[in-house]
């Protein structure tokens, strides 16, 4: 099996989400491109600290799980032997990844509704 660029992209995006979560908690920097809609910005937060405390650890978990799914998929792609099992595992891993993205979207929307003016 060959190298999959999508897996590498998933890993990088997951690690970037985790990095943004750590920076949010450690330094109070909110990367609005990661945790807010395009039409919103940081100045619209009514409780900045509450927003950070609500979302940072959720963002960290989702980011790490996304990176883990990409790593697992890349490893499995490298060592897969049976084509039928390979396709089934690919479908499961990609489904988990997209479910994580949906969960992340729901978390961000809830945070925005709760902490935006």
PDB file of N, CA and C in Angstrom:
ATOM      1  N   UNK A   1       0.845  -1.180   0.000  1.00  0.00           N
ATOM      2  CA  UNK A   1       0.000   0.000   0.000  1.00  0.00           C
ATOM      3  C   UNK A   1       0.896   1.251   0.000  1.00  0.00           C
ATOM      4  N   UNK A   2       0.366   2.329  -0.495  1.00  0.00           N
ATOM      5  CA  UNK A   2       1.161   3.541  -0.647  1.00  0.00           C
ATOM      6  C   UNK A   2       0.907   4.543   0.474  1.00  0.00           C
ATOM      7  N   UNK A   3       1.701   5.575   0.501  1.00  0.00           N
ATOM      8  CA  UNK A   3       1.596   6.661   1.467  1.00  0.00           C
ATOM      9  C   UNK A   3       0.353   7.486   1.175  1.00  0.00           C
ATOM     10  N   UNK A   4      -0.377   7.866   2.202  1.00  0.00           N
ATOM     11  CA  UNK A   4      -1.610   8.615   2.031  1.00  0.00           C
ATOM     12  C   UNK A   4      -1.415  10.035   2.580  1.00  0.00           C
ATOM     13  N   UNK A   5      -1.500  11.029   1.724  1.00  0.00           N
ATOM     14  CA  UNK A   5      -1.323  12.423   2.122  1.00  0.00           C
ATOM     15  C   UNK A   5      -2.454  12.867   3.063  1.00  0.00           C
ATOM     16  N   UNK A   6      -3.635  12.316   2.883  1.00  0.00           N
ATOM     17  CA  UNK A   6      -4.766  12.663   3.745  1.00  0.00           C
ATOM     18  C   UNK A   6      -4.437  12.335   5.205  1.00  0.00           C
ATOM     19  N   UNK A   7      -3.802  11.190   5.441  1.00  0.00           N
ATOM     20  CA  UNK A   7      -3.429  10.820   6.814  1.00  0.00           C
ATOM     21  C   UNK A   7      -2.459  11.826   7.408  1.00  0.00           C
ATOM     22  N   UNK A   8      -1.498  12.239   6.628  1.00  0.00           N
ATOM     23  CA  UNK A   8      -0.537  13.230   7.097  1.00  0.00           C
ATOM     24  C   UNK A   8      -1.239  14.550   7.422  1.00  0.00           C
ATOM     25  N   UNK A   9      -2.184  14.952   6.597  1.00  0.00           N
ATOM     26  CA  UNK A   9      -2.958  16.165   6.836  1.00  0.00           C
ATOM     27  C   UNK A   9      -3.775  16.055   8.122  1.00  0.00           C
ATOM     28  N   UNK A  10      -4.376  14.904   8.360  1.00  0.00           N
ATOM     29  CA  UNK A  10      -5.152  14.678   9.579  1.00  0.00           C
ATOM     30  C   UNK A  10      -4.252  14.767  10.809  1.00  0.00           C
ATOM     31  N   UNK A  11      -3.075  14.184  10.717  1.00  0.00           N
ATOM     32  CA  UNK A  11      -2.128  14.235  11.836  1.00  0.00           C
ATOM     33  C   UNK A  11      -1.715  15.677  12.131  1.00  0.00           C
ATOM     34  N   UNK A  12      -1.341  16.401  11.101  1.00  0.00           N
ATOM     35  CA  UNK A  12      -0.898  17.791  11.274  1.00  0.00           C
ATOM     36  C   UNK A  12      -2.027  18.652  11.833  1.00  0.00           C
ATOM     37  N   UNK A  13      -3.218  18.504  11.307  1.00  0.00           N
ATOM     38  CA  UNK A  13      -4.358  19.297  11.804  1.00  0.00           C
ATOM     39  C   UNK A  13      -4.679  18.953  13.258  1.00  0.00           C
ATOM     40  N   UNK A  14      -4.645  17.679  13.593  1.00  0.00           N
ATOM     41  CA  UNK A  14      -4.896  17.261  14.970  1.00  0.00           C
ATOM     42  C   UNK A  14      -3.869  17.823  15.934  1.00  0.00           C
ATOM     43  N   UNK A  15      -2.608  17.763  15.539  1.00  0.00           N
ATOM     44  CA  UNK A  15      -1.553  18.310  16.390  1.00  0.00           C
ATOM     45  C   UNK A  15      -1.654  19.827  16.506  1.00  0.00           C
ATOM     46  N   UNK A  16      -2.076  20.492  15.431  1.00  0.00           N
ATOM     47  CA  UNK A  16      -2.259  21.946  15.488  1.00  0.00           C
ATOM     48  C   UNK A  16      -3.407  22.310  16.430  1.00  0.00           C
ATOM     49  N   UNK A  17      -4.480  21.526  16.396  1.00  0.00           N
ATOM     50  CA  UNK A  17      -5.593  21.765  17.319  1.00  0.00           C
ATOM     51  C   UNK A  17      -5.122  21.597  18.763  1.00  0.00           C
ATOM     52  N   UNK A  18      -4.334  20.556  19.021  1.00  0.00           N
ATOM     53  CA  UNK A  18      -3.808  20.324  20.367  1.00  0.00           C
ATOM     54  C   UNK A  18      -2.888  21.470  20.787  1.00  0.00           C
ATOM     55  N   UNK A  19      -2.049  21.935  19.868  1.00  0.00           N
ATOM     56  CA  UNK A  19      -1.161  23.062  20.143  1.00  0.00           C
ATOM     57  C   UNK A  19      -1.974  24.312  20.486  1.00  0.00           C
ATOM     58  N   UNK A  20      -3.009  24.588  19.726  1.00  0.00           N
ATOM     59  CA  UNK A  20      -3.860  25.761  19.996  1.00  0.00           C
ATOM     60  C   UNK A  20      -4.524  25.645  21.365  1.00  0.00           C
ATOM     61  N   UNK A  21      -4.930  24.433  21.740  1.00  0.00           N
ATOM     62  CA  UNK A  21      -5.544  24.227  23.052  1.00  0.00           C
ATOM     63  C   UNK A  21      -4.553  24.513  24.174  1.00  0.00           C
ATOM     64  N   UNK A  22      -3.335  24.028  24.039  1.00  0.00           N
ATOM     65  CA  UNK A  22      -2.310  24.249  25.063  1.00  0.00           C
ATOM     66  C   UNK A  22      -1.974  25.740  25.154  1.00  0.00           C
ATOM     67  N   UNK A  23      -1.827  26.414  24.027  1.00  0.00           N
ATOM     68  CA  UNK A  23      -1.537  27.852  24.025  1.00  0.00           C
ATOM     69  C   UNK A  23      -2.698  28.644  24.626  1.00  0.00           C
ATOM     70  N   UNK A  24      -3.909  28.172  24.382  1.00  0.00           N
ATOM     71  CA  UNK A  24      -5.079  28.849  24.931  1.00  0.00           C
ATOM     72  C   UNK A  24      -5.049  28.785  26.456  1.00  0.00           C
ATOM     73  N   UNK A  25      -4.752  27.613  26.983  1.00  0.00           N
ATOM     74  CA  UNK A  25      -4.735  27.456  28.442  1.00  0.00           C
ATOM     75  C   UNK A  25      -3.506  28.109  29.067  1.00  0.00           C
ATOM     76  N   UNK A  26      -2.347  27.921  28.456  1.00  0.00           N
ATOM     77  CA  UNK A  26      -1.102  28.405  29.056  1.00  0.00           C
ATOM     78  C   UNK A  26      -0.929  29.912  28.937  1.00  0.00           C
ATOM     79  N   UNK A  27      -1.234  30.471  27.774  1.00  0.00           N
ATOM     80  CA  UNK A  27      -0.940  31.889  27.539  1.00  0.00           C
ATOM     81  C   UNK A  27      -2.185  32.739  27.312  1.00  0.00           C
ATOM     82  N   UNK A  28      -3.357  32.110  27.292  1.00  0.00           N
ATOM     83  CA  UNK A  28      -4.580  32.858  27.096  1.00  0.00           C
ATOM     84  C   UNK A  28      -4.800  33.337  25.672  1.00  0.00           C
ATOM     85  N   UNK A  29      -4.028  32.799  24.723  1.00  0.00           N
ATOM     86  CA  UNK A  29      -4.183  33.182  23.308  1.00  0.00           C
ATOM     87  C   UNK A  29      -5.262  32.332  22.665  1.00  0.00           C
ATOM     88  N   UNK A  30      -6.243  32.993  22.090  1.00  0.00           N
ATOM     89  CA  UNK A  30      -7.323  32.295  21.403  1.00  0.00           C
ATOM     90  C   UNK A  30      -7.079  32.397  19.907  1.00  0.00           C
ATOM     91  N   UNK A  31      -6.929  31.261  19.271  1.00  0.00           N
ATOM     92  CA  UNK A  31      -6.791  31.229  17.813  1.00  0.00           C
ATOM     93  C   UNK A  31      -8.201  31.200  17.247  1.00  0.00           C
ATOM     94  N   UNK A  32      -8.690  32.352  16.840  1.00  0.00           N
ATOM     95  CA  UNK A  32     -10.092  32.457  16.428  1.00  0.00           C
ATOM     96  C   UNK A  32     -10.398  31.604  15.205  1.00  0.00           C
ATOM     97  N   UNK A  33      -9.422  31.313  14.381  1.00  0.00           N
ATOM     98  CA  UNK A  33      -9.655  30.467  13.219  1.00  0.00           C
ATOM     99  C   UNK A  33      -9.939  29.020  13.584  1.00  0.00           C
ATOM    100  N   UNK A  34      -9.553  28.620  14.784  1.00  0.00           N
ATOM    101  CA  UNK A  34      -9.745  27.240  15.215  1.00  0.00           C
ATOM    102  C   UNK A  34     -10.998  27.091  16.075  1.00  0.00           C
ATOM    103  N   UNK A  35     -11.302  28.084  16.885  1.00  0.00           N
ATOM    104  CA  UNK A  35     -12.400  27.921  17.844  1.00  0.00           C
ATOM    105  C   UNK A  35     -13.564  28.897  17.670  1.00  0.00           C
ATOM    106  N   UNK A  36     -13.594  29.632  16.588  1.00  0.00           N
ATOM    107  CA  UNK A  36     -14.699  30.566  16.360  1.00  0.00           C
ATOM    108  C   UNK A  36     -15.095  30.574  14.893  1.00  0.00           C
ATOM    109  N   UNK A  37     -16.329  30.934  14.661  1.00  0.00           N
ATOM    110  CA  UNK A  37     -16.796  31.098  13.288  1.00  0.00           C
ATOM    111  C   UNK A  37     -16.090  32.288  12.654  1.00  0.00           C
ATOM    112  N   UNK A  38     -16.076  32.334  11.354  1.00  0.00           N
ATOM    113  CA  UNK A  38     -15.394  33.432  10.649  1.00  0.00           C
ATOM    114  C   UNK A  38     -16.010  34.795  10.945  1.00  0.00           C
ATOM    115  N   UNK A  39     -17.305  34.817  11.222  1.00  0.00           N
ATOM    116  CA  UNK A  39     -17.981  36.090  11.446  1.00  0.00           C
ATOM    117  C   UNK A  39     -17.775  36.627  12.866  1.00  0.00           C
ATOM    118  N   UNK A  40     -17.166  35.838  13.739  1.00  0.00           N
ATOM    119  CA  UNK A  40     -16.970  36.245  15.127  1.00  0.00           C
ATOM    120  C   UNK A  40     -15.499  36.496  15.403  1.00  0.00           C
ATOM    121  N   UNK A  41     -15.254  37.309  16.438  1.00  0.00           N
ATOM    122  CA  UNK A  41     -13.878  37.480  16.883  1.00  0.00           C
ATOM    123  C   UNK A  41     -13.833  37.537  18.405  1.00  0.00           C
ATOM    124  N   UNK A  42     -12.631  37.576  18.895  1.00  0.00           N
ATOM    125  CA  UNK A  42     -12.376  37.510  20.328  1.00  0.00           C
ATOM    126  C   UNK A  42     -13.018  38.649  21.118  1.00  0.00           C
ATOM    127  N   UNK A  43     -13.173  39.799  20.516  1.00  0.00           N
ATOM    128  CA  UNK A  43     -13.736  40.954  21.217  1.00  0.00           C
ATOM    129  C   UNK A  43     -15.216  40.760  21.557  1.00  0.00           C
ATOM    130  N   UNK A  44     -15.859  39.791  20.956  1.00  0.00           N
ATOM    131  CA  UNK A  44     -17.275  39.545  21.214  1.00  0.00           C
ATOM    132  C   UNK A  44     -17.516  38.590  22.384  1.00  0.00           C
ATOM    133  N   UNK A  45     -16.461  38.117  23.018  1.00  0.00           N
ATOM    134  CA  UNK A  45     -16.609  37.224  24.170  1.00  0.00           C
ATOM    135  C   UNK A  45     -17.038  38.018  25.394  1.00  0.00           C
ATOM    136  N   UNK A  46     -18.047  37.532  26.088  1.00  0.00           N
ATOM    137  CA  UNK A  46     -18.462  38.202  27.315  1.00  0.00           C
ATOM    138  C   UNK A  46     -17.689  37.668  28.524  1.00  0.00           C
ATOM    139  N   UNK A  47     -17.186  36.429  28.454  1.00  0.00           N
ATOM    140  CA  UNK A  47     -16.385  35.841  29.518  1.00  0.00           C
ATOM    141  C   UNK A  47     -15.233  35.064  28.872  1.00  0.00           C
ATOM    142  N   UNK A  48     -14.144  35.774  28.665  1.00  0.00           N
ATOM    143  CA  UNK A  48     -12.983  35.201  27.960  1.00  0.00           C
ATOM    144  C   UNK A  48     -12.414  33.994  28.708  1.00  0.00           C
ATOM    145  N   UNK A  49     -12.198  34.128  30.006  1.00  0.00           N
ATOM    146  CA  UNK A  49     -11.652  33.033  30.814  1.00  0.00           C
ATOM    147  C   UNK A  49     -12.599  31.839  30.853  1.00  0.00           C
ATOM    148  N   UNK A  50     -13.873  32.109  30.965  1.00  0.00           N
ATOM    149  CA  UNK A  50     -14.852  31.027  30.962  1.00  0.00           C
ATOM    150  C   UNK A  50     -14.848  30.269  29.646  1.00  0.00           C
ATOM    151  N   UNK A  51     -14.726  31.010  28.561  1.00  0.00           N
ATOM    152  CA  UNK A  51     -14.656  30.401  27.227  1.00  0.00           C
ATOM    153  C   UNK A  51     -13.425  29.509  27.112  1.00  0.00           C
ATOM    154  N   UNK A  52     -12.289  30.020  27.552  1.00  0.00           N
ATOM    155  CA  UNK A  52     -11.047  29.236  27.482  1.00  0.00           C
ATOM    156  C   UNK A  52     -11.156  27.982  28.343  1.00  0.00           C
ATOM    157  N   UNK A  53     -11.650  28.128  29.562  1.00  0.00           N
ATOM    158  CA  UNK A  53     -11.792  26.970  30.451  1.00  0.00           C
ATOM    159  C   UNK A  53     -12.790  25.945  29.915  1.00  0.00           C
ATOM    160  N   UNK A  54     -13.813  26.419  29.226  1.00  0.00           N
ATOM    161  CA  UNK A  54     -14.821  25.518  28.668  1.00  0.00           C
ATOM    162  C   UNK A  54     -14.277  24.715  27.491  1.00  0.00           C
ATOM    163  N   UNK A  55     -13.492  25.333  26.646  1.00  0.00           N
ATOM    164  CA  UNK A  55     -13.162  24.709  25.365  1.00  0.00           C
ATOM    165  C   UNK A  55     -11.757  24.118  25.269  1.00  0.00           C
ATOM    166  N   UNK A  56     -10.805  24.568  26.062  1.00  0.00           N
ATOM    167  CA  UNK A  56      -9.412  24.183  25.818  1.00  0.00           C
ATOM    168  C   UNK A  56      -9.182  22.687  25.914  1.00  0.00           C
ATOM    169  N   UNK A  57      -9.707  22.034  26.968  1.00  0.00           N
ATOM    170  CA  UNK A  57      -9.443  20.603  27.144  1.00  0.00           C
ATOM    171  C   UNK A  57     -10.213  19.764  26.139  1.00  0.00           C
ATOM    172  N   UNK A  58     -11.367  20.250  25.708  1.00  0.00           N
ATOM    173  CA  UNK A  58     -12.127  19.537  24.679  1.00  0.00           C
ATOM    174  C   UNK A  58     -11.396  19.610  23.346  1.00  0.00           C
ATOM    175  N   UNK A  59     -10.853  20.779  23.062  1.00  0.00           N
ATOM    176  CA  UNK A  59     -10.064  20.958  21.845  1.00  0.00           C
ATOM    177  C   UNK A  59      -8.816  20.080  21.883  1.00  0.00           C
ATOM    178  N   UNK A  60      -8.175  19.995  23.030  1.00  0.00           N
ATOM    179  CA  UNK A  60      -6.989  19.158  23.185  1.00  0.00           C
ATOM    180  C   UNK A  60      -7.319  17.688  22.921  1.00  0.00           C
ATOM    181  N   UNK A  61      -8.387  17.194  23.510  1.00  0.00           N
ATOM    182  CA  UNK A  61      -8.775  15.787  23.335  1.00  0.00           C
ATOM    183  C   UNK A  61      -9.116  15.496  21.880  1.00  0.00           C
ATOM    184  N   UNK A  62      -9.929  16.340  21.268  1.00  0.00           N
ATOM    185  CA  UNK A  62     -10.301  16.111  19.866  1.00  0.00           C
ATOM    186  C   UNK A  62      -9.070  16.182  18.967  1.00  0.00           C
ATOM    187  N   UNK A  63      -8.190  17.123  19.208  1.00  0.00           N
ATOM    188  CA  UNK A  63      -6.973  17.240  18.411  1.00  0.00           C
ATOM    189  C   UNK A  63      -6.097  16.009  18.523  1.00  0.00           C
ATOM    190  N   UNK A  64      -5.893  15.529  19.745  1.00  0.00           N
ATOM    191  CA  UNK A  64      -5.066  14.340  19.942  1.00  0.00           C
ATOM    192  C   UNK A  64      -5.713  13.093  19.340  1.00  0.00           C
ATOM    193  N   UNK A  65      -7.028  12.983  19.455  1.00  0.00           N
ATOM    194  CA  UNK A  65      -7.717  11.837  18.851  1.00  0.00           C
ATOM    195  C   UNK A  65      -7.653  11.885  17.324  1.00  0.00           C
ATOM    196  N   UNK A  66      -7.752  13.071  16.753  1.00  0.00           N
ATOM    197  CA  UNK A  66      -7.608  13.206  15.293  1.00  0.00           C
ATOM    198  C   UNK A  66      -6.205  12.791  14.862  1.00  0.00           C
ATOM    199  N   UNK A  67      -5.199  13.271  15.576  1.00  0.00           N
ATOM    200  CA  UNK A  67      -3.820  12.905  15.244  1.00  0.00           C
ATOM    201  C   UNK A  67      -3.624  11.395  15.393  1.00  0.00           C
ATOM    202  N   UNK A  68      -4.182  10.831  16.446  1.00  0.00           N
ATOM    203  CA  UNK A  68      -4.061   9.386  16.668  1.00  0.00           C
ATOM    204  C   UNK A  68      -4.735   8.589  15.556  1.00  0.00           C
ATOM    205  N   UNK A  69      -5.893   9.055  15.099  1.00  0.00           N
ATOM    206  CA  UNK A  69      -6.563   8.332  14.009  1.00  0.00           C
ATOM    207  C   UNK A  69      -5.731   8.388  12.733  1.00  0.00           C
ATOM    208  N   UNK A  70      -5.107   9.513  12.459  1.00  0.00           N
ATOM    209  CA  UNK A  70      -4.238   9.617  11.289  1.00  0.00           C
ATOM    210  C   UNK A  70      -3.009   8.737  11.406  1.00  0.00           C
ATOM    211  N   UNK A  71      -2.406   8.710  12.596  1.00  0.00           N
ATOM    212  CA  UNK A  71      -1.229   7.865  12.820  1.00  0.00           C
ATOM    213  C   UNK A  71      -1.599   6.395  12.677  1.00  0.00           C
ATOM    214  N   UNK A  72      -2.697   5.998  13.305  1.00  0.00           N
ATOM    215  CA  UNK A  72      -3.136   4.606  13.208  1.00  0.00           C
ATOM    216  C   UNK A  72      -3.412   4.225  11.759  1.00  0.00           C
ATOM    217  N   UNK A  73      -4.082   5.099  11.042  1.00  0.00           N
ATOM    218  CA  UNK A  73      -4.400   4.833   9.647  1.00  0.00           C
ATOM    219  C   UNK A  73      -3.129   4.717   8.805  1.00  0.00           C
ATOM    220  N   UNK A  74      -2.153   5.585   9.071  1.00  0.00           N
ATOM    221  CA  UNK A  74      -0.899   5.543   8.322  1.00  0.00           C
ATOM    222  C   UNK A  74      -0.143   4.241   8.600  1.00  0.00           C
ATOM    223  N   UNK A  75      -0.101   3.833   9.866  1.00  0.00           N
ATOM    224  CA  UNK A  75       0.573   2.588  10.231  1.00  0.00           C
ATOM    225  C   UNK A  75      -0.153   1.392   9.620  1.00  0.00           C
ATOM    226  N   UNK A  76      -1.463   1.403   9.735  1.00  0.00           N
ATOM    227  CA  UNK A  76      -2.230   0.284   9.191  1.00  0.00           C
ATOM    228  C   UNK A  76      -2.073   0.210   7.677  1.00  0.00           C
ATOM    229  N   UNK A  77      -2.061   1.350   7.012  1.00  0.00           N
ATOM    230  CA  UNK A  77      -1.876   1.379   5.559  1.00  0.00           C
ATOM    231  C   UNK A  77      -0.527   0.765   5.187  1.00  0.00           C
ATOM    232  N   UNK A  78       0.476   1.039   5.975  1.00  0.00           N
ATOM    233  CA  UNK A  78       1.834   0.539   5.691  1.00  0.00           C
ATOM    234  C   UNK A  78       1.926  -0.977   5.827  1.00  0.00           C
ATOM    235  N   UNK A  79       1.228  -1.544   6.829  1.00  0.00           N
ATOM    236  CA  UNK A  79       1.389  -2.959   7.133  1.00  0.00           C
ATOM    237  C   UNK A  79       0.187  -3.828   6.789  1.00  0.00           C
ATOM    238  N   UNK A  80      -0.824  -3.281   6.142  1.00  0.00           N
ATOM    239  CA  UNK A  80      -2.011  -4.062   5.778  1.00  0.00           C
ATOM    240  C   UNK A  80      -1.649  -5.122   4.747  1.00  0.00           C
ATOM    241  N   UNK A  81      -2.218  -6.298   4.945  1.00  0.00           N
ATOM    242  CA  UNK A  81      -1.943  -7.412   4.037  1.00  0.00           C
ATOM    243  C   UNK A  81      -3.177  -7.766   3.224  1.00  0.00           C
ATOM    244  N   UNK A  82      -4.296  -7.935   3.884  1.00  0.00           N
ATOM    245  CA  UNK A  82      -5.526  -8.349   3.210  1.00  0.00           C
ATOM    246  C   UNK A  82      -6.306  -7.117   2.741  1.00  0.00           C
ATOM    247  N   UNK A  83      -6.642  -7.113   1.474  1.00  0.00           N
ATOM    248  CA  UNK A  83      -7.313  -5.957   0.878  1.00  0.00           C
ATOM    249  C   UNK A  83      -8.700  -5.731   1.469  1.00  0.00           C
ATOM    250  N   UNK A  84      -9.443  -6.797   1.756  1.00  0.00           N
ATOM    251  CA  UNK A  84     -10.797  -6.642   2.303  1.00  0.00           C
ATOM    252  C   UNK A  84     -10.763  -5.993   3.688  1.00  0.00           C
ATOM    253  N   UNK A  85      -9.880  -6.469   4.537  1.00  0.00           N
ATOM    254  CA  UNK A  85      -9.761  -5.878   5.872  1.00  0.00           C
ATOM    255  C   UNK A  85      -9.249  -4.441   5.783  1.00  0.00           C
ATOM    256  N   UNK A  86      -8.361  -4.185   4.844  1.00  0.00           N
ATOM    257  CA  UNK A  86      -7.816  -2.848   4.667  1.00  0.00           C
ATOM    258  C   UNK A  86      -8.927  -1.843   4.382  1.00  0.00           C
ATOM    259  N   UNK A  87      -9.808  -2.166   3.467  1.00  0.00           N
ATOM    260  CA  UNK A  87     -10.904  -1.265   3.109  1.00  0.00           C
ATOM    261  C   UNK A  87     -11.826  -1.061   4.296  1.00  0.00           C
ATOM    262  N   UNK A  88     -12.138  -2.124   5.021  1.00  0.00           N
ATOM    263  CA  UNK A  88     -13.025  -2.014   6.175  1.00  0.00           C
ATOM    264  C   UNK A  88     -12.401  -1.132   7.262  1.00  0.00           C
ATOM    265  N   UNK A  89     -11.124  -1.343   7.557  1.00  0.00           N
ATOM    266  CA  UNK A  89     -10.456  -0.533   8.577  1.00  0.00           C
ATOM    267  C   UNK A  89     -10.372   0.920   8.125  1.00  0.00           C
ATOM    268  N   UNK A  90     -10.093   1.170   6.851  1.00  0.00           N
ATOM    269  CA  UNK A  90     -10.060   2.540   6.318  1.00  0.00           C
ATOM    270  C   UNK A  90     -11.407   3.223   6.529  1.00  0.00           C
ATOM    271  N   UNK A  91     -12.476   2.536   6.235  1.00  0.00           N
ATOM    272  CA  UNK A  91     -13.812   3.113   6.406  1.00  0.00           C
ATOM    273  C   UNK A  91     -14.073   3.439   7.872  1.00  0.00           C
ATOM    274  N   UNK A  92     -13.729   2.525   8.766  1.00  0.00           N
ATOM    275  CA  UNK A  92     -13.955   2.747  10.198  1.00  0.00           C
ATOM    276  C   UNK A  92     -13.135   3.936  10.699  1.00  0.00           C
ATOM    277  N   UNK A  93     -11.861   3.983  10.359  1.00  0.00           N
ATOM    278  CA  UNK A  93     -10.993   5.067  10.835  1.00  0.00           C
ATOM    279  C   UNK A  93     -11.448   6.412  10.285  1.00  0.00           C
ATOM    280  N   UNK A  94     -11.785   6.470   9.014  1.00  0.00           N
ATOM    281  CA  UNK A  94     -12.246   7.729   8.431  1.00  0.00           C
ATOM    282  C   UNK A  94     -13.585   8.156   9.009  1.00  0.00           C
ATOM    283  N   UNK A  95     -14.452   7.193   9.321  1.00  0.00           N
ATOM    284  CA  UNK A  95     -15.730   7.510   9.963  1.00  0.00           C
ATOM    285  C   UNK A  95     -15.486   8.095  11.349  1.00  0.00           C
ATOM    286  N   UNK A  96     -14.574   7.501  12.106  1.00  0.00           N
ATOM    287  CA  UNK A  96     -14.240   8.029  13.432  1.00  0.00           C
ATOM    288  C   UNK A  96     -13.714   9.455  13.318  1.00  0.00           C
ATOM    289  N   UNK A  97     -12.858   9.700  12.342  1.00  0.00           N
ATOM    290  CA  UNK A  97     -12.313  11.039  12.146  1.00  0.00           C
ATOM    291  C   UNK A  97     -13.421  12.052  11.862  1.00  0.00           C
ATOM    292  N   UNK A  98     -14.326  11.720  10.969  1.00  0.00           N
ATOM    293  CA  UNK A  98     -15.397  12.660  10.632  1.00  0.00           C
ATOM    294  C   UNK A  98     -16.378  12.837  11.786  1.00  0.00           C
ATOM    295  N   UNK A  99     -16.588  11.804  12.583  1.00  0.00           N
ATOM    296  CA  UNK A  99     -17.418  11.950  13.789  1.00  0.00           C
ATOM    297  C   UNK A  99     -16.740  12.913  14.765  1.00  0.00           C
ATOM    298  N   UNK A 100     -15.419  12.804  14.896  1.00  0.00           N
ATOM    299  CA  UNK A 100     -14.684  13.737  15.752  1.00  0.00           C
ATOM    300  C   UNK A 100     -14.851  15.176  15.275  1.00  0.00           C
ATOM    301  N   UNK A 101     -14.818  15.382  13.974  1.00  0.00           N
ATOM    302  CA  UNK A 101     -15.017  16.733  13.440  1.00  0.00           C
ATOM    303  C   UNK A 101     -16.417  17.255  13.743  1.00  0.00           C
ATOM    304  N   UNK A 102     -17.405  16.395  13.648  1.00  0.00           N
ATOM    305  CA  UNK A 102     -18.777  16.803  13.957  1.00  0.00           C
ATOM    306  C   UNK A 102     -18.894  17.146  15.444  1.00  0.00           C
ATOM    307  N   UNK A 103     -18.331  16.308  16.303  1.00  0.00           N
ATOM    308  CA  UNK A 103     -18.355  16.572  17.744  1.00  0.00           C
ATOM    309  C   UNK A 103     -17.660  17.894  18.045  1.00  0.00           C
ATOM    310  N   UNK A 104     -16.530  18.132  17.410  1.00  0.00           N
ATOM    311  CA  UNK A 104     -15.808  19.389  17.586  1.00  0.00           C
ATOM    312  C   UNK A 104     -16.663  20.573  17.165  1.00  0.00           C
ATOM    313  N   UNK A 105     -17.340  20.456  16.042  1.00  0.00           N
ATOM    314  CA  UNK A 105     -18.230  21.526  15.582  1.00  0.00           C
ATOM    315  C   UNK A 105     -19.329  21.816  16.580  1.00  0.00           C
ATOM    316  N   UNK A 106     -19.912  20.780  17.148  1.00  0.00           N
ATOM    317  CA  UNK A 106     -20.967  20.952  18.154  1.00  0.00           C
ATOM    318  C   UNK A 106     -20.405  21.653  19.395  1.00  0.00           C
ATOM    319  N   UNK A 107     -19.213  21.254  19.820  1.00  0.00           N
ATOM    320  CA  UNK A 107     -18.580  21.880  20.988  1.00  0.00           C
ATOM    321  C   UNK A 107     -18.347  23.368  20.745  1.00  0.00           C
ATOM    322  N   UNK A 108     -17.842  23.715  19.573  1.00  0.00           N
ATOM    323  CA  UNK A 108     -17.567  25.119  19.257  1.00  0.00           C
ATOM    324  C   UNK A 108     -18.857  25.934  19.223  1.00  0.00           C
ATOM    325  N   UNK A 109     -19.900  25.384  18.621  1.00  0.00           N
ATOM    326  CA  UNK A 109     -21.178  26.102  18.553  1.00  0.00           C
ATOM    327  C   UNK A 109     -21.740  26.325  19.953  1.00  0.00           C
ATOM    328  N   UNK A 110     -21.685  25.304  20.814  1.00  0.00           N
ATOM    329  CA  UNK A 110     -22.165  25.461  22.200  1.00  0.00           C
ATOM    330  C   UNK A 110     -21.363  26.523  22.937  1.00  0.00           C
ATOM    331  N   UNK A 111     -20.062  26.505  22.771  1.00  0.00           N
ATOM    332  CA  UNK A 111     -19.209  27.499  23.442  1.00  0.00           C
ATOM    333  C   UNK A 111     -19.545  28.900  22.964  1.00  0.00           C
ATOM    334  N   UNK A 112     -19.759  29.055  21.673  1.00  0.00           N
ATOM    335  CA  UNK A 112     -20.091  30.381  21.141  1.00  0.00           C
ATOM    336  C   UNK A 112     -21.423  30.866  21.660  1.00  0.00           C
ATOM    337  N   UNK A 113     -22.408  29.985  21.715  1.00  0.00           N
ATOM    338  CA  UNK A 113     -23.719  30.393  22.236  1.00  0.00           C
ATOM    339  C   UNK A 113     -23.648  30.776  23.711  1.00  0.00           C
ATOM    340  N   UNK A 114     -22.809  30.079  24.446  1.00  0.00           N
ATOM    341  CA  UNK A 114     -22.722  30.311  25.879  1.00  0.00           C
ATOM    342  C   UNK A 114     -21.896  31.541  26.248  1.00  0.00           C
ATOM    343  N   UNK A 115     -20.848  31.828  25.488  1.00  0.00           N
ATOM    344  CA  UNK A 115     -19.899  32.867  25.901  1.00  0.00           C
ATOM    345  C   UNK A 115     -19.835  34.088  25.005  1.00  0.00           C
ATOM    346  N   UNK A 116     -20.575  34.143  23.932  1.00  0.00           N
ATOM    347  CA  UNK A 116     -20.569  35.318  23.061  1.00  0.00           C
ATOM    348  C   UNK A 116     -21.637  36.310  23.508  1.00  0.00           C
ATOM    349  N   UNK A 117     -21.374  37.590  23.252  1.00  0.00           N
ATOM    350  CA  UNK A 117     -22.334  38.645  23.600  1.00  0.00           C
ATOM    351  C   UNK A 117     -23.541  38.566  22.726  1.00  0.00           C
TER     352      UNK A 117
END
